[in-house]
Amino acid sequence: QVQLVESGGGLAQPGGSLRLSCTPSGSGFTLDYYTIGWFRQAPGKERAWVASDIRGGNTFYSDSVKGRFTFSRDNAKNTVYLQMYNLRLEDTAVYYCNTAPVTLPWGQGTQVTVSS
């Protein structure tokens, strides 16, 4: 079964930026056909929804990231992105992408660490 593969995480300082990418592990799965969500799991916490982009429609963000994170798609590359600006310590987490609602096995995620 296809999985979505996340990348782009790393270490950033508070106020810094990172861009995460999400792409299918194999061929035959077109992201543009689906509502895609970004999720994150902070240490000691449950996985939480961050943002969703409805195919051909609106994008929604959790209150904690609204105004700082931006969801985008590159259909030619079959990739979605999460551009993160003005990072905060509390954004530290493993970030995942999946369909929304979730239908695929979770990938390994990409670690984002915000630290001074």
PDB file of N, CA and C in Angstrom:
ATOM      1  N   GLN A   1       0.837  -1.181   0.000  1.00  0.00           N
ATOM      2  CA  GLN A   1       0.000   0.000   0.000  1.00  0.00           C
ATOM      3  C   GLN A   1       0.877   1.238   0.000  1.00  0.00           C
ATOM      4  N   VAL A   2       0.438   2.254  -0.666  1.00  0.00           N
ATOM      5  CA  VAL A   2       1.243   3.464  -0.765  1.00  0.00           C
ATOM      6  C   VAL A   2       1.329   4.151   0.592  1.00  0.00           C
ATOM      7  N   GLN A   3       2.449   4.776   0.823  1.00  0.00           N
ATOM      8  CA  GLN A   3       2.621   5.652   1.962  1.00  0.00           C
ATOM      9  C   GLN A   3       3.031   7.020   1.455  1.00  0.00           C
ATOM     10  N   LEU A   4       2.806   8.026   2.281  1.00  0.00           N
ATOM     11  CA  LEU A   4       3.307   9.357   1.978  1.00  0.00           C
ATOM     12  C   LEU A   4       4.613   9.545   2.743  1.00  0.00           C
ATOM     13  N   VAL A   5       5.588  10.099   2.062  1.00  0.00           N
ATOM     14  CA  VAL A   5       6.926  10.257   2.628  1.00  0.00           C
ATOM     15  C   VAL A   5       7.178  11.730   2.906  1.00  0.00           C
ATOM     16  N   GLU A   6       7.506  12.013   4.154  1.00  0.00           N
ATOM     17  CA  GLU A   6       7.748  13.385   4.570  1.00  0.00           C
ATOM     18  C   GLU A   6       9.256  13.658   4.606  1.00  0.00           C
ATOM     19  N   SER A   7       9.618  14.891   4.316  1.00  0.00           N
ATOM     20  CA  SER A   7      11.019  15.295   4.378  1.00  0.00           C
ATOM     21  C   SER A   7      11.109  16.791   4.626  1.00  0.00           C
ATOM     22  N   GLY A   8      12.301  17.251   4.911  1.00  0.00           N
ATOM     23  CA  GLY A   8      12.517  18.676   5.056  1.00  0.00           C
ATOM     24  C   GLY A   8      12.651  19.165   6.486  1.00  0.00           C
ATOM     25  N   GLY A   9      12.468  18.286   7.432  1.00  0.00           N
ATOM     26  CA  GLY A   9      12.602  18.697   8.823  1.00  0.00           C
ATOM     27  C   GLY A   9      14.047  18.989   9.181  1.00  0.00           C
ATOM     28  N   GLY A  10      14.235  19.447  10.392  1.00  0.00           N
ATOM     29  CA  GLY A  10      15.580  19.760  10.845  1.00  0.00           C
ATOM     30  C   GLY A  10      15.541  20.615  12.084  1.00  0.00           C
ATOM     31  N   LEU A  11      16.657  21.253  12.339  1.00  0.00           N
ATOM     32  CA  LEU A  11      16.802  22.119  13.505  1.00  0.00           C
ATOM     33  C   LEU A  11      16.652  23.571  13.071  1.00  0.00           C
ATOM     34  N   ALA A  12      15.842  24.300  13.784  1.00  0.00           N
ATOM     35  CA  ALA A  12      15.652  25.715  13.487  1.00  0.00           C
ATOM     36  C   ALA A  12      15.635  26.492  14.791  1.00  0.00           C
ATOM     37  N   GLN A  13      16.013  27.740  14.700  1.00  0.00           N
ATOM     38  CA  GLN A  13      15.944  28.617  15.859  1.00  0.00           C
ATOM     39  C   GLN A  13      14.555  29.225  15.964  1.00  0.00           C
ATOM     40  N   PRO A  14      14.154  29.638  17.127  1.00  0.00           N
ATOM     41  CA  PRO A  14      12.885  30.362  17.238  1.00  0.00           C
ATOM     42  C   PRO A  14      12.876  31.555  16.283  1.00  0.00           C
ATOM     43  N   GLY A  15      11.763  31.704  15.586  1.00  0.00           N
ATOM     44  CA  GLY A  15      11.658  32.738  14.567  1.00  0.00           C
ATOM     45  C   GLY A  15      12.119  32.304  13.200  1.00  0.00           C
ATOM     46  N   GLY A  16      12.702  31.135  13.113  1.00  0.00           N
ATOM     47  CA  GLY A  16      13.205  30.637  11.837  1.00  0.00           C
ATOM     48  C   GLY A  16      12.127  30.003  10.983  1.00  0.00           C
ATOM     49  N   SER A  17      12.569  29.431   9.867  1.00  0.00           N
ATOM     50  CA  SER A  17      11.653  28.853   8.891  1.00  0.00           C
ATOM     51  C   SER A  17      12.157  27.493   8.431  1.00  0.00           C
ATOM     52  N   LEU A  18      11.213  26.663   8.053  1.00  0.00           N
ATOM     53  CA  LEU A  18      11.494  25.389   7.416  1.00  0.00           C
ATOM     54  C   LEU A  18      10.378  25.106   6.423  1.00  0.00           C
ATOM     55  N   ARG A  19      10.690  24.320   5.408  1.00  0.00           N
ATOM     56  CA  ARG A  19       9.664  23.862   4.479  1.00  0.00           C
ATOM     57  C   ARG A  19       9.682  22.347   4.424  1.00  0.00           C
ATOM     58  N   LEU A  20       8.541  21.779   4.743  1.00  0.00           N
ATOM     59  CA  LEU A  20       8.371  20.326   4.704  1.00  0.00           C
ATOM     60  C   LEU A  20       7.756  19.916   3.375  1.00  0.00           C
ATOM     61  N   SER A  21       8.125  18.727   2.932  1.00  0.00           N
ATOM     62  CA  SER A  21       7.589  18.173   1.692  1.00  0.00           C
ATOM     63  C   SER A  21       6.927  16.832   1.970  1.00  0.00           C
ATOM     64  N   CYS A  22       5.965  16.492   1.130  1.00  0.00           N
ATOM     65  CA  CYS A  22       5.238  15.227   1.269  1.00  0.00           C
ATOM     66  C   CYS A  22       4.958  14.700  -0.132  1.00  0.00           C
ATOM     67  N   THR A  23       5.374  13.470  -0.380  1.00  0.00           N
ATOM     68  CA  THR A  23       5.183  12.886  -1.699  1.00  0.00           C
ATOM     69  C   THR A  23       4.895  11.390  -1.541  1.00  0.00           C
ATOM     70  N   PRO A  24       4.152  10.788  -2.456  1.00  0.00           N
ATOM     71  CA  PRO A  24       3.857   9.356  -2.353  1.00  0.00           C
ATOM     72  C   PRO A  24       5.109   8.501  -2.545  1.00  0.00           C
ATOM     73  N   SER A  25       5.100   7.341  -1.873  1.00  0.00           N
ATOM     74  CA  SER A  25       6.241   6.442  -1.962  1.00  0.00           C
ATOM     75  C   SER A  25       6.311   5.710  -3.288  1.00  0.00           C
ATOM     76  N   GLY A  26       5.222   5.598  -3.980  1.00  0.00           N
ATOM     77  CA  GLY A  26       5.225   4.900  -5.248  1.00  0.00           C
ATOM     78  C   GLY A  26       4.386   5.624  -6.268  1.00  0.00           C
ATOM     79  N   SER A  27       4.299   5.041  -7.431  1.00  0.00           N
ATOM     80  CA  SER A  27       3.519   5.664  -8.490  1.00  0.00           C
ATOM     81  C   SER A  27       2.050   5.265  -8.357  1.00  0.00           C
ATOM     82  N   GLY A  28       1.209   5.966  -9.051  1.00  0.00           N
ATOM     83  CA  GLY A  28      -0.200   5.614  -9.091  1.00  0.00           C
ATOM     84  C   GLY A  28      -1.057   6.274  -8.043  1.00  0.00           C
ATOM     85  N   PHE A  29      -0.464   7.129  -7.244  1.00  0.00           N
ATOM     86  CA  PHE A  29      -1.234   7.849  -6.225  1.00  0.00           C
ATOM     87  C   PHE A  29      -1.034   9.328  -6.491  1.00  0.00           C
ATOM     88  N   THR A  30      -2.094   9.998  -6.870  1.00  0.00           N
ATOM     89  CA  THR A  30      -2.020  11.404  -7.233  1.00  0.00           C
ATOM     90  C   THR A  30      -2.572  12.258  -6.105  1.00  0.00           C
ATOM     91  N   LEU A  31      -1.705  13.027  -5.504  1.00  0.00           N
ATOM     92  CA  LEU A  31      -2.112  13.819  -4.336  1.00  0.00           C
ATOM     93  C   LEU A  31      -3.232  14.799  -4.666  1.00  0.00           C
ATOM     94  N   ASP A  32      -3.250  15.285  -5.878  1.00  0.00           N
ATOM     95  CA  ASP A  32      -4.243  16.289  -6.235  1.00  0.00           C
ATOM     96  C   ASP A  32      -5.656  15.736  -6.187  1.00  0.00           C
ATOM     97  N   TYR A  33      -5.803  14.425  -6.140  1.00  0.00           N
ATOM     98  CA  TYR A  33      -7.135  13.835  -6.089  1.00  0.00           C
ATOM     99  C   TYR A  33      -7.706  13.826  -4.670  1.00  0.00           C
ATOM    100  N   TYR A  34      -6.900  14.200  -3.693  1.00  0.00           N
ATOM    101  CA  TYR A  34      -7.276  14.008  -2.297  1.00  0.00           C
ATOM    102  C   TYR A  34      -7.139  15.281  -1.481  1.00  0.00           C
ATOM    103  N   THR A  35      -7.961  15.366  -0.438  1.00  0.00           N
ATOM    104  CA  THR A  35      -7.682  16.316   0.625  1.00  0.00           C
ATOM    105  C   THR A  35      -6.515  15.765   1.424  1.00  0.00           C
ATOM    106  N   ILE A  36      -5.503  16.582   1.614  1.00  0.00           N
ATOM    107  CA  ILE A  36      -4.294  16.166   2.309  1.00  0.00           C
ATOM    108  C   ILE A  36      -4.146  16.976   3.587  1.00  0.00           C
ATOM    109  N   GLY A  37      -3.747  16.318   4.622  1.00  0.00           N
ATOM    110  CA  GLY A  37      -3.539  16.978   5.897  1.00  0.00           C
ATOM    111  C   GLY A  37      -2.116  16.843   6.386  1.00  0.00           C
ATOM    112  N   TRP A  38      -1.690  17.833   7.136  1.00  0.00           N
ATOM    113  CA  TRP A  38      -0.454  17.745   7.892  1.00  0.00           C
ATOM    114  C   TRP A  38      -0.824  17.561   9.362  1.00  0.00           C
ATOM    115  N   PHE A  39      -0.035  16.736  10.026  1.00  0.00           N
ATOM    116  CA  PHE A  39      -0.253  16.419  11.427  1.00  0.00           C
ATOM    117  C   PHE A  39       1.108  16.463  12.135  1.00  0.00           C
ATOM    118  N   ARG A  40       1.067  16.567  13.434  1.00  0.00           N
ATOM    119  CA  ARG A  40       2.323  16.536  14.171  1.00  0.00           C
ATOM    120  C   ARG A  40       2.136  15.870  15.518  1.00  0.00           C
ATOM    121  N   GLN A  41       3.213  15.289  16.001  1.00  0.00           N
ATOM    122  CA  GLN A  41       3.205  14.656  17.312  1.00  0.00           C
ATOM    123  C   GLN A  41       4.392  15.170  18.102  1.00  0.00           C
ATOM    124  N   ALA A  42       4.077  15.944  19.118  1.00  0.00           N
ATOM    125  CA  ALA A  42       5.100  16.483  20.000  1.00  0.00           C
ATOM    126  C   ALA A  42       5.470  15.435  21.045  1.00  0.00           C
ATOM    127  N   PRO A  43       6.641  15.551  21.638  1.00  0.00           N
ATOM    128  CA  PRO A  43       7.063  14.580  22.646  1.00  0.00           C
ATOM    129  C   PRO A  43       6.042  14.455  23.775  1.00  0.00           C
ATOM    130  N   GLY A  44       5.631  13.240  24.038  1.00  0.00           N
ATOM    131  CA  GLY A  44       4.699  12.998  25.133  1.00  0.00           C
ATOM    132  C   GLY A  44       3.260  13.349  24.850  1.00  0.00           C
ATOM    133  N   LYS A  45       2.960  13.706  23.615  1.00  0.00           N
ATOM    134  CA  LYS A  45       1.599  14.108  23.263  1.00  0.00           C
ATOM    135  C   LYS A  45       1.064  13.245  22.126  1.00  0.00           C
ATOM    136  N   GLU A  46      -0.230  13.279  21.960  1.00  0.00           N
ATOM    137  CA  GLU A  46      -0.848  12.557  20.863  1.00  0.00           C
ATOM    138  C   GLU A  46      -0.656  13.326  19.553  1.00  0.00           C
ATOM    139  N   ARG A  47      -0.771  12.588  18.475  1.00  0.00           N
ATOM    140  CA  ARG A  47      -0.681  13.228  17.162  1.00  0.00           C
ATOM    141  C   ARG A  47      -1.852  14.195  16.987  1.00  0.00           C
ATOM    142  N   ALA A  48      -1.565  15.362  16.446  1.00  0.00           N
ATOM    143  CA  ALA A  48      -2.572  16.409  16.321  1.00  0.00           C
ATOM    144  C   ALA A  48      -2.604  16.935  14.896  1.00  0.00           C
ATOM    145  N   TRP A  49      -3.769  17.353  14.484  1.00  0.00           N
ATOM    146  CA  TRP A  49      -3.952  17.949  13.165  1.00  0.00           C
ATOM    147  C   TRP A  49      -3.352  19.340  13.130  1.00  0.00           C
ATOM    148  N   VAL A  50      -2.719  19.676  11.997  1.00  0.00           N
ATOM    149  CA  VAL A  50      -2.094  20.989  11.828  1.00  0.00           C
ATOM    150  C   VAL A  50      -2.785  21.788  10.721  1.00  0.00           C
ATOM    151  N   ALA A  51      -2.990  21.146   9.571  1.00  0.00           N
ATOM    152  CA  ALA A  51      -3.563  21.875   8.432  1.00  0.00           C
ATOM    153  C   ALA A  51      -4.129  20.878   7.441  1.00  0.00           C
ATOM    154  N   SER A  52      -5.117  21.323   6.682  1.00  0.00           N
ATOM    155  CA  SER A  52      -5.692  20.507   5.612  1.00  0.00           C
ATOM    156  C   SER A  52      -5.972  21.375   4.416  1.00  0.00           C
ATOM    157  N   ASP A  53      -5.730  20.813   3.249  1.00  0.00           N
ATOM    158  CA  ASP A  53      -6.008  21.509   2.006  1.00  0.00           C
ATOM    159  C   ASP A  53      -7.022  20.687   1.225  1.00  0.00           C
ATOM    160  N   ILE A  54      -8.194  21.246   1.056  1.00  0.00           N
ATOM    161  CA  ILE A  54      -9.246  20.548   0.335  1.00  0.00           C
ATOM    162  C   ILE A  54      -8.997  20.704  -1.156  1.00  0.00           C
ATOM    163  N   ARG A  55      -8.932  19.605  -1.826  1.00  0.00           N
ATOM    164  CA  ARG A  55      -8.638  19.614  -3.252  1.00  0.00           C
ATOM    165  C   ARG A  55      -9.540  20.607  -3.973  1.00  0.00           C
ATOM    166  N   GLY A  56      -8.920  21.595  -4.579  1.00  0.00           N
ATOM    167  CA  GLY A  56      -9.668  22.588  -5.330  1.00  0.00           C
ATOM    168  C   GLY A  56     -10.434  23.572  -4.481  1.00  0.00           C
ATOM    169  N   GLY A  57     -10.195  23.526  -3.169  1.00  0.00           N
ATOM    170  CA  GLY A  57     -10.976  24.389  -2.292  1.00  0.00           C
ATOM    171  C   GLY A  57     -10.122  25.115  -1.289  1.00  0.00           C
ATOM    172  N   ASN A  58     -10.618  25.206  -0.095  1.00  0.00           N
ATOM    173  CA  ASN A  58      -9.974  26.008   0.934  1.00  0.00           C
ATOM    174  C   ASN A  58      -8.912  25.226   1.702  1.00  0.00           C
ATOM    175  N   THR A  59      -8.101  25.977   2.397  1.00  0.00           N
ATOM    176  CA  THR A  59      -7.111  25.415   3.292  1.00  0.00           C
ATOM    177  C   THR A  59      -7.445  25.847   4.705  1.00  0.00           C
ATOM    178  N   PHE A  60      -7.305  24.933   5.636  1.00  0.00           N
ATOM    179  CA  PHE A  60      -7.630  25.198   7.021  1.00  0.00           C
ATOM    180  C   PHE A  60      -6.418  24.930   7.895  1.00  0.00           C
ATOM    181  N   TYR A  61      -6.288  25.726   8.944  1.00  0.00           N
ATOM    182  CA  TYR A  61      -5.147  25.603   9.835  1.00  0.00           C
ATOM    183  C   TYR A  61      -5.621  25.544  11.284  1.00  0.00           C
ATOM    184  N   SER A  62      -4.862  24.850  12.094  1.00  0.00           N
ATOM    185  CA  SER A  62      -5.143  24.889  13.518  1.00  0.00           C
ATOM    186  C   SER A  62      -4.814  26.290  14.033  1.00  0.00           C
ATOM    187  N   ASP A  63      -5.442  26.660  15.118  1.00  0.00           N
ATOM    188  CA  ASP A  63      -5.228  27.999  15.664  1.00  0.00           C
ATOM    189  C   ASP A  63      -3.769  28.224  16.039  1.00  0.00           C
ATOM    190  N   SER A  64      -3.098  27.171  16.428  1.00  0.00           N
ATOM    191  CA  SER A  64      -1.719  27.324  16.891  1.00  0.00           C
ATOM    192  C   SER A  64      -0.735  27.672  15.768  1.00  0.00           C
ATOM    193  N   VAL A  65      -1.108  27.421  14.518  1.00  0.00           N
ATOM    194  CA  VAL A  65      -0.182  27.689  13.411  1.00  0.00           C
ATOM    195  C   VAL A  65      -0.736  28.717  12.420  1.00  0.00           C
ATOM    196  N   LYS A  66      -1.972  29.086  12.593  1.00  0.00           N
ATOM    197  CA  LYS A  66      -2.607  30.006  11.644  1.00  0.00           C
ATOM    198  C   LYS A  66      -1.808  31.304  11.552  1.00  0.00           C
ATOM    199  N   GLY A  67      -1.549  31.727  10.338  1.00  0.00           N
ATOM    200  CA  GLY A  67      -0.778  32.942  10.120  1.00  0.00           C
ATOM    201  C   GLY A  67       0.724  32.717  10.064  1.00  0.00           C
ATOM    202  N   ARG A  68       1.171  31.512  10.414  1.00  0.00           N
ATOM    203  CA  ARG A  68       2.602  31.217  10.409  1.00  0.00           C
ATOM    204  C   ARG A  68       2.967  30.101   9.437  1.00  0.00           C
ATOM    205  N   PHE A  69       2.046  29.184   9.212  1.00  0.00           N
ATOM    206  CA  PHE A  69       2.278  28.042   8.318  1.00  0.00           C
ATOM    207  C   PHE A  69       1.423  28.213   7.070  1.00  0.00           C
ATOM    208  N   THR A  70       1.960  27.740   5.948  1.00  0.00           N
ATOM    209  CA  THR A  70       1.246  27.814   4.674  1.00  0.00           C
ATOM    210  C   THR A  70       1.337  26.476   3.953  1.00  0.00           C
ATOM    211  N   PHE A  71       0.177  25.972   3.569  1.00  0.00           N
ATOM    212  CA  PHE A  71       0.076  24.717   2.812  1.00  0.00           C
ATOM    213  C   PHE A  71       0.103  25.052   1.333  1.00  0.00           C
ATOM    214  N   SER A  72       0.855  24.295   0.553  1.00  0.00           N
ATOM    215  CA  SER A  72       0.831  24.500  -0.896  1.00  0.00           C
ATOM    216  C   SER A  72       0.992  23.167  -1.618  1.00  0.00           C
ATOM    217  N   ARG A  73       0.653  23.171  -2.893  1.00  0.00           N
ATOM    218  CA  ARG A  73       0.765  21.972  -3.725  1.00  0.00           C
ATOM    219  C   ARG A  73       1.561  22.289  -4.985  1.00  0.00           C
ATOM    220  N   ASP A  74       2.307  21.304  -5.438  1.00  0.00           N
ATOM    221  CA  ASP A  74       2.929  21.352  -6.758  1.00  0.00           C
ATOM    222  C   ASP A  74       2.468  20.090  -7.473  1.00  0.00           C
ATOM    223  N   ASN A  75       1.412  20.217  -8.228  1.00  0.00           N
ATOM    224  CA  ASN A  75       0.813  19.037  -8.855  1.00  0.00           C
ATOM    225  C   ASN A  75       1.743  18.413  -9.890  1.00  0.00           C
ATOM    226  N   ALA A  76       2.557  19.220 -10.534  1.00  0.00           N
ATOM    227  CA  ALA A  76       3.501  18.683 -11.512  1.00  0.00           C
ATOM    228  C   ALA A  76       4.516  17.743 -10.853  1.00  0.00           C
ATOM    229  N   LYS A  77       4.840  18.026  -9.604  1.00  0.00           N
ATOM    230  CA  LYS A  77       5.785  17.184  -8.856  1.00  0.00           C
ATOM    231  C   LYS A  77       5.073  16.187  -7.952  1.00  0.00           C
ATOM    232  N   ASN A  78       3.738  16.230  -7.956  1.00  0.00           N
ATOM    233  CA  ASN A  78       2.951  15.358  -7.083  1.00  0.00           C
ATOM    234  C   ASN A  78       3.440  15.461  -5.641  1.00  0.00           C
ATOM    235  N   THR A  79       3.571  16.695  -5.194  1.00  0.00           N
ATOM    236  CA  THR A  79       4.133  16.979  -3.871  1.00  0.00           C
ATOM    237  C   THR A  79       3.312  18.075  -3.204  1.00  0.00           C
ATOM    238  N   VAL A  80       3.165  17.955  -1.906  1.00  0.00           N
ATOM    239  CA  VAL A  80       2.581  19.044  -1.130  1.00  0.00           C
ATOM    240  C   VAL A  80       3.622  19.522  -0.137  1.00  0.00           C
ATOM    241  N   TYR A  81       3.462  20.760   0.293  1.00  0.00           N
ATOM    242  CA  TYR A  81       4.443  21.391   1.157  1.00  0.00           C
ATOM    243  C   TYR A  81       3.748  22.013   2.365  1.00  0.00           C
ATOM    244  N   LEU A  82       4.511  22.166   3.406  1.00  0.00           N
ATOM    245  CA  LEU A  82       4.102  22.964   4.547  1.00  0.00           C
ATOM    246  C   LEU A  82       5.238  23.932   4.833  1.00  0.00           C
ATOM    247  N   GLN A  83       5.014  25.181   4.465  1.00  0.00           N
ATOM    248  CA  GLN A  83       6.006  26.220   4.738  1.00  0.00           C
ATOM    249  C   GLN A  83       5.742  26.754   6.129  1.00  0.00           C
ATOM    250  N   MET A  84       6.753  26.706   6.952  1.00  0.00           N
ATOM    251  CA  MET A  84       6.615  27.105   8.345  1.00  0.00           C
ATOM    252  C   MET A  84       7.486  28.330   8.609  1.00  0.00           C
ATOM    253  N   TYR A  85       6.847  29.387   9.041  1.00  0.00           N
ATOM    254  CA  TYR A  85       7.545  30.628   9.372  1.00  0.00           C
ATOM    255  C   TYR A  85       7.426  30.893  10.875  1.00  0.00           C
ATOM    256  N   ASN A  86       8.289  31.780  11.356  1.00  0.00           N
ATOM    257  CA  ASN A  86       8.204  32.241  12.736  1.00  0.00           C
ATOM    258  C   ASN A  86       8.034  31.064  13.702  1.00  0.00           C
ATOM    259  N   LEU A  87       8.903  30.091  13.549  1.00  0.00           N
ATOM    260  CA  LEU A  87       8.806  28.882  14.357  1.00  0.00           C
ATOM    261  C   LEU A  87       8.965  29.186  15.837  1.00  0.00           C
ATOM    262  N   ARG A  88       8.239  28.420  16.621  1.00  0.00           N
ATOM    263  CA  ARG A  88       8.256  28.544  18.077  1.00  0.00           C
ATOM    264  C   ARG A  88       8.752  27.247  18.698  1.00  0.00           C
ATOM    265  N   LEU A  89       9.174  27.333  19.933  1.00  0.00           N
ATOM    266  CA  LEU A  89       9.648  26.139  20.630  1.00  0.00           C
ATOM    267  C   LEU A  89       8.572  25.047  20.608  1.00  0.00           C
ATOM    268  N   GLU A  90       7.323  25.449  20.750  1.00  0.00           N
ATOM    269  CA  GLU A  90       6.234  24.484  20.832  1.00  0.00           C
ATOM    270  C   GLU A  90       5.890  23.848  19.486  1.00  0.00           C
ATOM    271  N   ASP A  91       6.550  24.268  18.419  1.00  0.00           N
ATOM    272  CA  ASP A  91       6.370  23.607  17.125  1.00  0.00           C
ATOM    273  C   ASP A  91       7.243  22.353  17.005  1.00  0.00           C
ATOM    274  N   THR A  92       8.090  22.130  17.971  1.00  0.00           N
ATOM    275  CA  THR A  92       8.923  20.933  17.964  1.00  0.00           C
ATOM    276  C   THR A  92       8.052  19.682  17.987  1.00  0.00           C
ATOM    277  N   ALA A  93       8.225  18.833  16.988  1.00  0.00           N
ATOM    278  CA  ALA A  93       7.398  17.639  16.849  1.00  0.00           C
ATOM    279  C   ALA A  93       7.879  16.839  15.645  1.00  0.00           C
ATOM    280  N   VAL A  94       7.352  15.632  15.532  1.00  0.00           N
ATOM    281  CA  VAL A  94       7.479  14.881  14.287  1.00  0.00           C
ATOM    282  C   VAL A  94       6.267  15.218  13.437  1.00  0.00           C
ATOM    283  N   TYR A  95       6.509  15.607  12.211  1.00  0.00           N
ATOM    284  CA  TYR A  95       5.439  16.031  11.313  1.00  0.00           C
ATOM    285  C   TYR A  95       5.143  14.942  10.293  1.00  0.00           C
ATOM    286  N   TYR A  96       3.853  14.735  10.075  1.00  0.00           N
ATOM    287  CA  TYR A  96       3.374  13.706   9.162  1.00  0.00           C
ATOM    288  C   TYR A  96       2.380  14.301   8.176  1.00  0.00           C
ATOM    289  N   CYS A  97       2.257  13.668   7.031  1.00  0.00           N
ATOM    290  CA  CYS A  97       1.171  13.998   6.111  1.00  0.00           C
ATOM    291  C   CYS A  97       0.373  12.725   5.849  1.00  0.00           C
ATOM    292  N   ASN A  98      -0.869  12.915   5.503  1.00  0.00           N
ATOM    293  CA  ASN A  98      -1.748  11.806   5.200  1.00  0.00           C
ATOM    294  C   ASN A  98      -2.967  12.379   4.487  1.00  0.00           C
ATOM    295  N   THR A  99      -3.804  11.510   3.989  1.00  0.00           N
ATOM    296  CA  THR A  99      -5.072  11.993   3.496  1.00  0.00           C
ATOM    297  C   THR A  99      -5.887  12.464   4.698  1.00  0.00           C
ATOM    298  N   ALA A 100      -6.877  13.269   4.410  1.00  0.00           N
ATOM    299  CA  ALA A 100      -7.758  13.752   5.478  1.00  0.00           C
ATOM    300  C   ALA A 100      -9.194  13.559   5.006  1.00  0.00           C
ATOM    301  N   PRO A 101      -9.951  12.667   5.678  1.00  0.00           N
ATOM    302  CA  PRO A 101      -9.547  11.892   6.840  1.00  0.00           C
ATOM    303  C   PRO A 101      -8.452  10.875   6.510  1.00  0.00           C
ATOM    304  N   VAL A 102      -7.820  10.375   7.556  1.00  0.00           N
ATOM    305  CA  VAL A 102      -6.668   9.495   7.393  1.00  0.00           C
ATOM    306  C   VAL A 102      -7.095   8.154   6.818  1.00  0.00           C
ATOM    307  N   THR A 103      -6.446   7.771   5.711  1.00  0.00           N
ATOM    308  CA  THR A 103      -6.753   6.484   5.101  1.00  0.00           C
ATOM    309  C   THR A 103      -5.517   5.640   4.828  1.00  0.00           C
ATOM    310  N   LEU A 104      -4.352   6.224   4.914  1.00  0.00           N
ATOM    311  CA  LEU A 104      -3.120   5.524   4.569  1.00  0.00           C
ATOM    312  C   LEU A 104      -2.334   5.162   5.828  1.00  0.00           C
ATOM    313  N   PRO A 105      -1.460   4.173   5.740  1.00  0.00           N
ATOM    314  CA  PRO A 105      -0.559   3.918   6.867  1.00  0.00           C
ATOM    315  C   PRO A 105       0.306   5.145   7.113  1.00  0.00           C
ATOM    316  N   TRP A 106       0.613   5.397   8.346  1.00  0.00           N
ATOM    317  CA  TRP A 106       1.456   6.540   8.655  1.00  0.00           C
ATOM    318  C   TRP A 106       2.888   6.268   8.179  1.00  0.00           C
ATOM    319  N   GLY A 107       3.513   7.308   7.654  1.00  0.00           N
ATOM    320  CA  GLY A 107       4.918   7.223   7.305  1.00  0.00           C
ATOM    321  C   GLY A 107       5.780   7.450   8.533  1.00  0.00           C
ATOM    322  N   GLN A 108       7.075   7.626   8.299  1.00  0.00           N
ATOM    323  CA  GLN A 108       7.994   7.818   9.419  1.00  0.00           C
ATOM    324  C   GLN A 108       8.004   9.243   9.923  1.00  0.00           C
ATOM    325  N   GLY A 109       7.481  10.152   9.142  1.00  0.00           N
ATOM    326  CA  GLY A 109       7.468  11.542   9.556  1.00  0.00           C
ATOM    327  C   GLY A 109       8.824  12.203   9.396  1.00  0.00           C
ATOM    328  N   THR A 110       8.836  13.486   9.672  1.00  0.00           N
ATOM    329  CA  THR A 110      10.087  14.240   9.633  1.00  0.00           C
ATOM    330  C   THR A 110      10.179  15.078  10.903  1.00  0.00           C
ATOM    331  N   GLN A 111      11.321  15.018  11.555  1.00  0.00           N
ATOM    332  CA  GLN A 111      11.494  15.680  12.845  1.00  0.00           C
ATOM    333  C   GLN A 111      11.779  17.165  12.647  1.00  0.00           C
ATOM    334  N   VAL A 112      11.038  17.975  13.348  1.00  0.00           N
ATOM    335  CA  VAL A 112      11.283  19.420  13.411  1.00  0.00           C
ATOM    336  C   VAL A 112      11.626  19.757  14.853  1.00  0.00           C
ATOM    337  N   THR A 113      12.781  20.339  15.032  1.00  0.00           N
ATOM    338  CA  THR A 113      13.215  20.744  16.366  1.00  0.00           C
ATOM    339  C   THR A 113      13.486  22.237  16.354  1.00  0.00           C
ATOM    340  N   VAL A 114      12.796  22.940  17.210  1.00  0.00           N
ATOM    341  CA  VAL A 114      12.989  24.383  17.337  1.00  0.00           C
ATOM    342  C   VAL A 114      13.674  24.630  18.675  1.00  0.00           C
ATOM    343  N   SER A 115      14.856  25.161  18.585  1.00  0.00           N
ATOM    344  CA  SER A 115      15.660  25.350  19.794  1.00  0.00           C
ATOM    345  C   SER A 115      16.640  26.482  19.582  1.00  0.00           C
ATOM    346  N   SER A 116      16.906  27.207  20.656  1.00  0.00           N
ATOM    347  CA  SER A 116      17.909  28.266  20.597  1.00  0.00           C
ATOM    348  C   SER A 116      19.264  27.731  21.034  1.00  0.00           C
TER     349      SER A 116
END
